[in-house]
Amino acid sequence: MAKSRSPKSEQYPAVLPMLNAVCPGWRSEYRFAGPRRWRFDMAHPDHRIAIEINGGIWTGGRHARGSGLVKEYEKMRAAAVLGWRVLPITPQELHLLPSLVASAIAYEGAAP
């Protein structure tokens, strides 16, 4: 039986307001690749920036097991092909989000 998972916006209620303070327009549980059911934890569709909060890395969660990583890599490849910039982050790093997002928006369209 599959585990039910609560949206990251419920697990971390301060994240969405924090992101919208930097740049309004963030959404929670944003579906980015139909017909697949892939979702980003948080996404800004206008800037094509997404946040993936990867928990359970020390406790054998999805992001620490081979089968989960394979599925996650497939999702990240699809996101890259569709032009998304995904910022993976752990719950312990949430305080970094405002500066990461500001930097990602500042470098948008910058030459390599």
N, C-alpha and C. Protein backbone atom coordinates (compact mmCIF):
# COMPACT_ATOMS: atom_id res chain seq x y z
N MET A 1 0.84 -1.17 0.00
CA MET A 1 0.00 0.00 0.00
C MET A 1 0.89 1.24 0.00
N ALA A 2 0.56 2.20 -0.84
CA ALA A 2 1.36 3.42 -0.94
C ALA A 2 1.13 4.31 0.26
N LYS A 3 2.20 4.96 0.69
CA LYS A 3 2.11 5.91 1.80
C LYS A 3 1.43 7.18 1.30
N SER A 4 0.59 7.76 2.13
CA SER A 4 0.07 9.07 1.76
C SER A 4 1.11 10.10 2.19
N ARG A 5 1.23 11.12 1.41
CA ARG A 5 2.20 12.14 1.76
C ARG A 5 1.52 13.48 1.79
N SER A 6 1.82 14.24 2.80
CA SER A 6 1.23 15.57 2.89
C SER A 6 2.09 16.53 2.07
N PRO A 7 1.45 17.53 1.48
CA PRO A 7 2.22 18.50 0.70
C PRO A 7 3.29 19.19 1.55
N LYS A 8 4.39 19.53 0.91
CA LYS A 8 5.48 20.20 1.62
C LYS A 8 5.02 21.53 2.21
N SER A 9 4.02 22.16 1.57
CA SER A 9 3.53 23.43 2.12
C SER A 9 2.87 23.22 3.48
N GLU A 10 2.35 22.01 3.74
CA GLU A 10 1.79 21.69 5.06
C GLU A 10 2.90 21.28 6.03
N GLN A 11 3.90 20.56 5.54
CA GLN A 11 5.00 20.13 6.39
C GLN A 11 5.88 21.31 6.80
N TYR A 12 6.05 22.24 5.89
CA TYR A 12 6.91 23.41 6.12
C TYR A 12 6.11 24.67 5.77
N PRO A 13 5.18 25.09 6.62
CA PRO A 13 4.26 26.19 6.27
C PRO A 13 4.93 27.54 6.05
N ALA A 14 6.13 27.75 6.54
CA ALA A 14 6.79 29.05 6.37
C ALA A 14 7.47 29.20 5.01
N VAL A 15 7.63 28.12 4.27
CA VAL A 15 8.41 28.17 3.02
C VAL A 15 7.72 28.98 1.94
N LEU A 16 6.46 28.72 1.66
CA LEU A 16 5.78 29.43 0.58
C LEU A 16 5.73 30.94 0.83
N PRO A 17 5.36 31.41 2.04
CA PRO A 17 5.43 32.86 2.29
C PRO A 17 6.85 33.42 2.15
N MET A 18 7.85 32.65 2.56
CA MET A 18 9.24 33.10 2.46
C MET A 18 9.61 33.28 0.98
N LEU A 19 9.22 32.32 0.13
CA LEU A 19 9.52 32.41 -1.29
C LEU A 19 8.77 33.58 -1.94
N ASN A 20 7.50 33.74 -1.58
CA ASN A 20 6.71 34.82 -2.17
C ASN A 20 7.18 36.20 -1.72
N ALA A 21 7.86 36.27 -0.59
CA ALA A 21 8.44 37.54 -0.15
C ALA A 21 9.61 37.94 -1.06
N VAL A 22 10.32 36.97 -1.60
CA VAL A 22 11.43 37.24 -2.51
C VAL A 22 10.90 37.58 -3.89
N CYS A 23 9.91 36.80 -4.35
CA CYS A 23 9.36 36.98 -5.70
C CYS A 23 7.95 36.37 -5.71
N PRO A 24 6.91 37.18 -5.76
CA PRO A 24 5.55 36.63 -5.75
C PRO A 24 5.29 35.71 -6.95
N GLY A 25 4.44 34.72 -6.74
CA GLY A 25 4.05 33.82 -7.82
C GLY A 25 4.38 32.36 -7.58
N TRP A 26 4.89 32.02 -6.39
CA TRP A 26 5.24 30.63 -6.09
C TRP A 26 3.99 29.81 -5.83
N ARG A 27 4.05 28.55 -6.23
CA ARG A 27 2.96 27.61 -6.02
C ARG A 27 3.49 26.34 -5.36
N SER A 28 2.62 25.71 -4.62
CA SER A 28 2.96 24.45 -3.96
C SER A 28 2.42 23.29 -4.78
N GLU A 29 3.15 22.17 -4.78
CA GLU A 29 2.72 20.94 -5.46
C GLU A 29 2.36 21.22 -6.93
N TYR A 30 3.27 21.85 -7.63
CA TYR A 30 3.04 22.27 -9.02
C TYR A 30 3.32 21.13 -9.98
N ARG A 31 2.31 20.74 -10.75
CA ARG A 31 2.48 19.69 -11.76
C ARG A 31 3.10 20.29 -13.01
N PHE A 32 4.24 19.74 -13.42
CA PHE A 32 4.97 20.37 -14.51
C PHE A 32 5.07 19.54 -15.77
N ALA A 33 4.70 18.29 -15.75
CA ALA A 33 4.94 17.44 -16.93
C ALA A 33 3.79 16.46 -17.12
N GLY A 34 2.69 16.96 -17.68
CA GLY A 34 1.60 16.05 -18.00
C GLY A 34 1.97 15.22 -19.21
N PRO A 35 1.50 14.03 -19.37
CA PRO A 35 0.50 13.38 -18.54
C PRO A 35 1.09 12.71 -17.29
N ARG A 36 2.38 12.83 -17.09
CA ARG A 36 2.97 12.28 -15.86
C ARG A 36 2.40 13.01 -14.66
N ARG A 37 2.46 12.40 -13.52
CA ARG A 37 1.92 13.03 -12.31
C ARG A 37 3.03 13.70 -11.50
N TRP A 38 4.15 14.00 -12.14
CA TRP A 38 5.26 14.64 -11.45
C TRP A 38 4.87 16.03 -10.97
N ARG A 39 5.30 16.33 -9.75
CA ARG A 39 5.07 17.64 -9.17
C ARG A 39 6.36 18.12 -8.52
N PHE A 40 6.51 19.44 -8.51
CA PHE A 40 7.57 20.06 -7.72
C PHE A 40 6.97 20.42 -6.38
N ASP A 41 7.79 20.37 -5.33
CA ASP A 41 7.31 20.77 -4.01
C ASP A 41 6.87 22.23 -4.05
N MET A 42 7.69 23.08 -4.62
CA MET A 42 7.38 24.50 -4.80
C MET A 42 7.89 24.88 -6.19
N ALA A 43 7.15 25.75 -6.88
CA ALA A 43 7.58 26.15 -8.22
C ALA A 43 7.12 27.56 -8.53
N HIS A 44 7.92 28.24 -9.33
CA HIS A 44 7.56 29.55 -9.87
C HIS A 44 7.50 29.37 -11.38
N PRO A 45 6.28 29.14 -11.92
CA PRO A 45 6.16 28.85 -13.35
C PRO A 45 6.70 29.94 -14.28
N ASP A 46 6.53 31.22 -13.90
CA ASP A 46 7.00 32.29 -14.77
C ASP A 46 8.52 32.28 -14.94
N HIS A 47 9.24 31.93 -13.89
CA HIS A 47 10.70 31.89 -13.94
C HIS A 47 11.23 30.48 -14.20
N ARG A 48 10.35 29.49 -14.18
CA ARG A 48 10.72 28.08 -14.37
C ARG A 48 11.81 27.66 -13.37
N ILE A 49 11.58 28.06 -12.12
CA ILE A 49 12.46 27.66 -11.01
C ILE A 49 11.63 26.78 -10.08
N ALA A 50 12.21 25.68 -9.64
CA ALA A 50 11.50 24.77 -8.74
C ALA A 50 12.37 24.45 -7.53
N ILE A 51 11.69 24.15 -6.43
CA ILE A 51 12.34 23.74 -5.19
C ILE A 51 11.89 22.32 -4.90
N GLU A 52 12.83 21.45 -4.64
CA GLU A 52 12.55 20.09 -4.19
C GLU A 52 13.15 19.93 -2.81
N ILE A 53 12.30 19.72 -1.80
CA ILE A 53 12.76 19.52 -0.43
C ILE A 53 12.93 18.02 -0.23
N ASN A 54 14.17 17.59 -0.13
CA ASN A 54 14.49 16.17 -0.04
C ASN A 54 14.77 15.76 1.40
N GLY A 55 13.75 15.22 2.03
CA GLY A 55 13.90 14.74 3.40
C GLY A 55 14.25 13.26 3.41
N GLY A 56 14.50 12.73 4.58
CA GLY A 56 14.75 11.30 4.72
C GLY A 56 16.09 10.82 4.21
N ILE A 57 17.01 11.73 3.95
CA ILE A 57 18.28 11.29 3.38
C ILE A 57 19.15 10.55 4.38
N TRP A 58 18.91 10.75 5.68
CA TRP A 58 19.69 10.07 6.70
C TRP A 58 18.95 8.88 7.30
N THR A 59 17.68 8.73 6.93
CA THR A 59 16.87 7.68 7.55
C THR A 59 16.39 6.62 6.56
N GLY A 60 16.99 6.58 5.38
CA GLY A 60 16.62 5.58 4.39
C GLY A 60 15.35 5.93 3.63
N GLY A 61 15.02 7.21 3.55
CA GLY A 61 13.85 7.65 2.80
C GLY A 61 14.05 7.50 1.31
N ARG A 62 13.06 7.94 0.55
CA ARG A 62 13.07 7.77 -0.90
C ARG A 62 14.34 8.30 -1.56
N HIS A 63 14.84 9.42 -1.08
CA HIS A 63 16.00 10.05 -1.71
C HIS A 63 17.32 9.40 -1.31
N ALA A 64 17.25 8.33 -0.54
CA ALA A 64 18.48 7.64 -0.12
C ALA A 64 18.52 6.20 -0.62
N ARG A 65 17.47 5.75 -1.28
CA ARG A 65 17.42 4.38 -1.79
C ARG A 65 17.57 4.39 -3.31
N GLY A 66 18.16 3.35 -3.83
CA GLY A 66 18.40 3.26 -5.26
C GLY A 66 17.16 3.44 -6.11
N SER A 67 16.08 2.74 -5.79
CA SER A 67 14.88 2.82 -6.62
C SER A 67 14.29 4.24 -6.58
N GLY A 68 14.32 4.88 -5.43
CA GLY A 68 13.82 6.25 -5.33
C GLY A 68 14.68 7.23 -6.10
N LEU A 69 15.99 7.03 -6.03
CA LEU A 69 16.90 7.92 -6.76
C LEU A 69 16.72 7.79 -8.27
N VAL A 70 16.53 6.56 -8.76
CA VAL A 70 16.32 6.36 -10.20
C VAL A 70 15.08 7.14 -10.66
N LYS A 71 13.99 7.05 -9.89
CA LYS A 71 12.77 7.79 -10.24
C LYS A 71 12.99 9.30 -10.15
N GLU A 72 13.73 9.72 -9.14
CA GLU A 72 14.01 11.15 -8.98
C GLU A 72 14.86 11.67 -10.13
N TYR A 73 15.86 10.89 -10.55
CA TYR A 73 16.70 11.31 -11.68
C TYR A 73 15.87 11.41 -12.97
N GLU A 74 14.95 10.50 -13.17
CA GLU A 74 14.09 10.57 -14.35
C GLU A 74 13.28 11.87 -14.34
N LYS A 75 12.74 12.20 -13.19
CA LYS A 75 11.96 13.43 -13.04
C LYS A 75 12.84 14.67 -13.29
N MET A 76 14.05 14.69 -12.73
CA MET A 76 14.93 15.84 -12.89
C MET A 76 15.39 16.00 -14.35
N ARG A 77 15.64 14.87 -15.03
CA ARG A 77 15.99 14.96 -16.46
C ARG A 77 14.86 15.57 -17.27
N ALA A 78 13.63 15.12 -17.00
CA ALA A 78 12.47 15.66 -17.71
C ALA A 78 12.33 17.15 -17.44
N ALA A 79 12.53 17.55 -16.19
CA ALA A 79 12.44 18.97 -15.84
C ALA A 79 13.49 19.78 -16.60
N ALA A 80 14.71 19.28 -16.68
CA ALA A 80 15.78 20.00 -17.38
C ALA A 80 15.45 20.13 -18.87
N VAL A 81 14.96 19.07 -19.48
CA VAL A 81 14.60 19.11 -20.89
C VAL A 81 13.50 20.14 -21.14
N LEU A 82 12.61 20.29 -20.18
CA LEU A 82 11.51 21.26 -20.31
C LEU A 82 11.92 22.68 -19.89
N GLY A 83 13.20 22.87 -19.54
CA GLY A 83 13.71 24.20 -19.25
C GLY A 83 13.59 24.65 -17.81
N TRP A 84 13.34 23.73 -16.88
CA TRP A 84 13.25 24.09 -15.47
C TRP A 84 14.61 24.07 -14.81
N ARG A 85 14.81 24.99 -13.87
CA ARG A 85 15.98 24.96 -13.00
C ARG A 85 15.49 24.50 -11.63
N VAL A 86 15.98 23.35 -11.19
CA VAL A 86 15.51 22.76 -9.95
C VAL A 86 16.58 22.92 -8.87
N LEU A 87 16.16 23.45 -7.73
CA LEU A 87 17.06 23.63 -6.59
C LEU A 87 16.71 22.58 -5.54
N PRO A 88 17.50 21.49 -5.46
CA PRO A 88 17.23 20.51 -4.42
C PRO A 88 17.77 21.01 -3.08
N ILE A 89 17.03 20.76 -2.02
CA ILE A 89 17.42 21.29 -0.72
C ILE A 89 16.94 20.32 0.37
N THR A 90 17.65 20.26 1.47
CA THR A 90 17.21 19.44 2.59
C THR A 90 16.43 20.32 3.57
N PRO A 91 15.63 19.72 4.44
CA PRO A 91 14.91 20.53 5.42
C PRO A 91 15.84 21.39 6.29
N GLN A 92 17.05 20.89 6.54
CA GLN A 92 18.01 21.64 7.35
C GLN A 92 18.55 22.87 6.63
N GLU A 93 18.36 22.95 5.32
CA GLU A 93 18.89 24.06 4.52
C GLU A 93 17.82 25.08 4.11
N LEU A 94 16.61 24.95 4.62
CA LEU A 94 15.52 25.84 4.19
C LEU A 94 15.85 27.31 4.38
N HIS A 95 16.66 27.63 5.37
CA HIS A 95 17.03 29.04 5.60
C HIS A 95 17.81 29.64 4.44
N LEU A 96 18.36 28.80 3.55
CA LEU A 96 19.13 29.28 2.40
C LEU A 96 18.24 29.70 1.22
N LEU A 97 16.96 29.33 1.26
CA LEU A 97 16.10 29.55 0.10
C LEU A 97 16.02 31.00 -0.39
N PRO A 98 15.84 31.99 0.47
CA PRO A 98 15.75 33.35 -0.08
C PRO A 98 16.95 33.76 -0.92
N SER A 99 18.16 33.46 -0.46
CA SER A 99 19.34 33.85 -1.24
C SER A 99 19.50 32.98 -2.49
N LEU A 100 19.16 31.69 -2.41
CA LEU A 100 19.25 30.82 -3.59
C LEU A 100 18.29 31.28 -4.68
N VAL A 101 17.07 31.57 -4.29
CA VAL A 101 16.06 32.00 -5.27
C VAL A 101 16.43 33.36 -5.86
N ALA A 102 16.87 34.29 -5.03
CA ALA A 102 17.28 35.60 -5.54
C ALA A 102 18.42 35.45 -6.53
N SER A 103 19.38 34.58 -6.24
CA SER A 103 20.50 34.35 -7.16
C SER A 103 20.02 33.72 -8.46
N ALA A 104 19.12 32.74 -8.36
CA ALA A 104 18.62 32.08 -9.57
C ALA A 104 17.89 33.06 -10.47
N ILE A 105 17.12 33.95 -9.88
CA ILE A 105 16.40 34.95 -10.68
C ILE A 105 17.38 35.97 -11.25
N ALA A 106 18.38 36.37 -10.50
CA ALA A 106 19.37 37.35 -10.98
C ALA A 106 20.16 36.81 -12.15
N TYR A 107 20.45 35.51 -12.17
CA TYR A 107 21.24 34.92 -13.24
C TYR A 107 20.40 34.45 -14.42
N GLU A 108 19.10 34.64 -14.34
CA GLU A 108 18.21 34.22 -15.41
C GLU A 108 18.61 34.88 -16.71
N GLY A 109 18.86 34.09 -17.70
CA GLY A 109 19.21 34.62 -19.00
C GLY A 109 20.65 35.13 -19.13
N ALA A 110 21.44 35.01 -18.07
CA ALA A 110 22.83 35.46 -18.14
C ALA A 110 23.63 34.53 -19.05
N ALA A 111 24.57 35.08 -19.75
CA ALA A 111 25.41 34.28 -20.63
C ALA A 111 26.31 33.37 -19.78
N PRO A 112 26.60 32.17 -20.26
CA PRO A 112 27.47 31.26 -19.50
C PRO A 112 28.89 31.76 -19.40
